[in-house]
């Protein structure tokens, strides 16, 4: 993952669990298996939710990559 220079900002995000600051940056591309999205904005935060978590993948990624999610088989195409 290569990061674009000079295109970042800090944001306060609010949700069901409260609010937290995140660092937002545009990356050249991001890949999940065979799915690739270019010029994608990511948000990096502390994510201290009381259990181990590496990332949250949002619907924006799945829409941009035109992914098909098979919930019965628990697979992404």
C-alpha atoms as a PDB file:
ATOM      1  CA  UNK A   1       0.000   0.000   0.000  1.00  0.00           C
ATOM      2  CA  UNK A   2       1.507   3.320  -1.076  1.00  0.00           C
ATOM      3  CA  UNK A   3       0.261   6.490   0.585  1.00  0.00           C
ATOM      4  CA  UNK A   4      -0.357   9.788  -1.242  1.00  0.00           C
ATOM      5  CA  UNK A   5       1.604  12.676   0.284  1.00  0.00           C
ATOM      6  CA  UNK A   6      -0.188  15.788   1.537  1.00  0.00           C
ATOM      7  CA  UNK A   7      -3.704  14.380   1.422  1.00  0.00           C
ATOM      8  CA  UNK A   8      -4.538  13.598   5.032  1.00  0.00           C
ATOM      9  CA  UNK A   9      -6.711  14.933   7.832  1.00  0.00           C
ATOM     10  CA  UNK A  10      -7.845  14.188  11.373  1.00  0.00           C
ATOM     11  CA  UNK A  11     -11.560  13.600  11.910  1.00  0.00           C
ATOM     12  CA  UNK A  12     -13.852  13.059  14.877  1.00  0.00           C
ATOM     13  CA  UNK A  13     -16.152  10.106  14.123  1.00  0.00           C
ATOM     14  CA  UNK A  14     -19.303   9.376  16.128  1.00  0.00           C
ATOM     15  CA  UNK A  15     -21.245   6.142  16.291  1.00  0.00           C
ATOM     16  CA  UNK A  16     -23.179   3.800  18.558  1.00  0.00           C
ATOM     17  CA  UNK A  17     -20.125   3.139  20.748  1.00  0.00           C
ATOM     18  CA  UNK A  18     -19.285   6.807  21.212  1.00  0.00           C
ATOM     19  CA  UNK A  19     -16.764   8.989  19.412  1.00  0.00           C
ATOM     20  CA  UNK A  20     -13.076   8.793  18.521  1.00  0.00           C
ATOM     21  CA  UNK A  21     -10.519  10.588  16.408  1.00  0.00           C
ATOM     22  CA  UNK A  22      -9.280   8.934  13.232  1.00  0.00           C
ATOM     23  CA  UNK A  23      -6.568   9.804  10.739  1.00  0.00           C
ATOM     24  CA  UNK A  24      -7.864   9.767   7.153  1.00  0.00           C
ATOM     25  CA  UNK A  25      -5.580   9.268   4.164  1.00  0.00           C
ATOM     26  CA  UNK A  26      -5.964   8.402   0.490  1.00  0.00           C
ATOM     27  CA  UNK A  27      -3.948   5.369  -0.618  1.00  0.00           C
ATOM     28  CA  UNK A  28      -2.990   4.511  -4.180  1.00  0.00           C
ATOM     29  CA  UNK A  29      -4.694   1.120  -3.885  1.00  0.00           C
ATOM     30  CA  UNK A  30      -6.011  -1.392  -1.381  1.00  0.00           C
ATOM     31  CA  UNK A  31      -6.440  -5.125  -1.940  1.00  0.00           C
ATOM     32  CA  UNK A  32      -8.503  -7.833  -0.258  1.00  0.00           C
ATOM     33  CA  UNK A  33      -7.857 -11.195  -1.918  1.00  0.00           C
ATOM     34  CA  UNK A  34      -8.556 -10.642  -5.623  1.00  0.00           C
ATOM     35  CA  UNK A  35     -10.515  -7.407  -5.010  1.00  0.00           C
ATOM     36  CA  UNK A  36      -8.583  -4.185  -5.688  1.00  0.00           C
ATOM     37  CA  UNK A  37      -9.716  -0.564  -5.364  1.00  0.00           C
ATOM     38  CA  UNK A  38      -7.511   2.334  -6.481  1.00  0.00           C
ATOM     39  CA  UNK A  39      -7.398   5.852  -5.020  1.00  0.00           C
ATOM     40  CA  UNK A  40      -9.202   4.737  -1.873  1.00  0.00           C
ATOM     41  CA  UNK A  41      -9.605   6.718   1.365  1.00  0.00           C
ATOM     42  CA  UNK A  42      -8.791   4.836   4.580  1.00  0.00           C
ATOM     43  CA  UNK A  43      -9.263   5.830   8.218  1.00  0.00           C
ATOM     44  CA  UNK A  44      -6.853   4.742  10.937  1.00  0.00           C
ATOM     45  CA  UNK A  45      -7.896   4.818  14.590  1.00  0.00           C
ATOM     46  CA  UNK A  46      -7.034   3.231  17.938  1.00  0.00           C
ATOM     47  CA  UNK A  47      -9.947   0.726  17.848  1.00  0.00           C
ATOM     48  CA  UNK A  48      -9.783  -0.131  21.554  1.00  0.00           C
ATOM     49  CA  UNK A  49     -13.106  -1.974  21.772  1.00  0.00           C
ATOM     50  CA  UNK A  50     -12.186  -4.572  24.391  1.00  0.00           C
ATOM     51  CA  UNK A  51     -11.491  -7.375  21.899  1.00  0.00           C
ATOM     52  CA  UNK A  52      -8.869  -8.039  19.224  1.00  0.00           C
ATOM     53  CA  UNK A  53      -9.642  -6.461  15.860  1.00  0.00           C
ATOM     54  CA  UNK A  54      -7.329  -5.668  12.936  1.00  0.00           C
ATOM     55  CA  UNK A  55      -9.608  -3.712  10.622  1.00  0.00           C
ATOM     56  CA  UNK A  56     -13.166  -2.847   9.739  1.00  0.00           C
ATOM     57  CA  UNK A  57     -14.011  -3.140   6.054  1.00  0.00           C
ATOM     58  CA  UNK A  58     -16.862  -0.846   5.086  1.00  0.00           C
ATOM     59  CA  UNK A  59     -19.469  -1.063   2.382  1.00  0.00           C
ATOM     60  CA  UNK A  60     -17.651   1.669   0.461  1.00  0.00           C
ATOM     61  CA  UNK A  61     -14.864  -0.836  -0.313  1.00  0.00           C
ATOM     62  CA  UNK A  62     -17.292  -3.600  -1.291  1.00  0.00           C
ATOM     63  CA  UNK A  63     -19.293  -1.243  -3.533  1.00  0.00           C
ATOM     64  CA  UNK A  64     -16.196   0.203  -5.226  1.00  0.00           C
ATOM     65  CA  UNK A  65     -14.744  -3.282  -5.831  1.00  0.00           C
ATOM     66  CA  UNK A  66     -18.132  -4.616  -7.035  1.00  0.00           C
ATOM     67  CA  UNK A  67     -17.779  -7.531  -4.615  1.00  0.00           C
ATOM     68  CA  UNK A  68     -20.372 -10.256  -4.289  1.00  0.00           C
ATOM     69  CA  UNK A  69     -20.854 -11.423  -0.705  1.00  0.00           C
ATOM     70  CA  UNK A  70     -22.282 -14.921  -0.252  1.00  0.00           C
ATOM     71  CA  UNK A  71     -23.494 -14.974   3.350  1.00  0.00           C
ATOM     72  CA  UNK A  72     -24.588 -18.628   3.229  1.00  0.00           C
ATOM     73  CA  UNK A  73     -21.135 -19.820   2.120  1.00  0.00           C
ATOM     74  CA  UNK A  74     -19.301 -17.017   3.998  1.00  0.00           C
ATOM     75  CA  UNK A  75     -17.326 -16.112   0.853  1.00  0.00           C
ATOM     76  CA  UNK A  76     -16.515 -12.940  -1.051  1.00  0.00           C
ATOM     77  CA  UNK A  77     -16.300 -13.040  -4.849  1.00  0.00           C
END
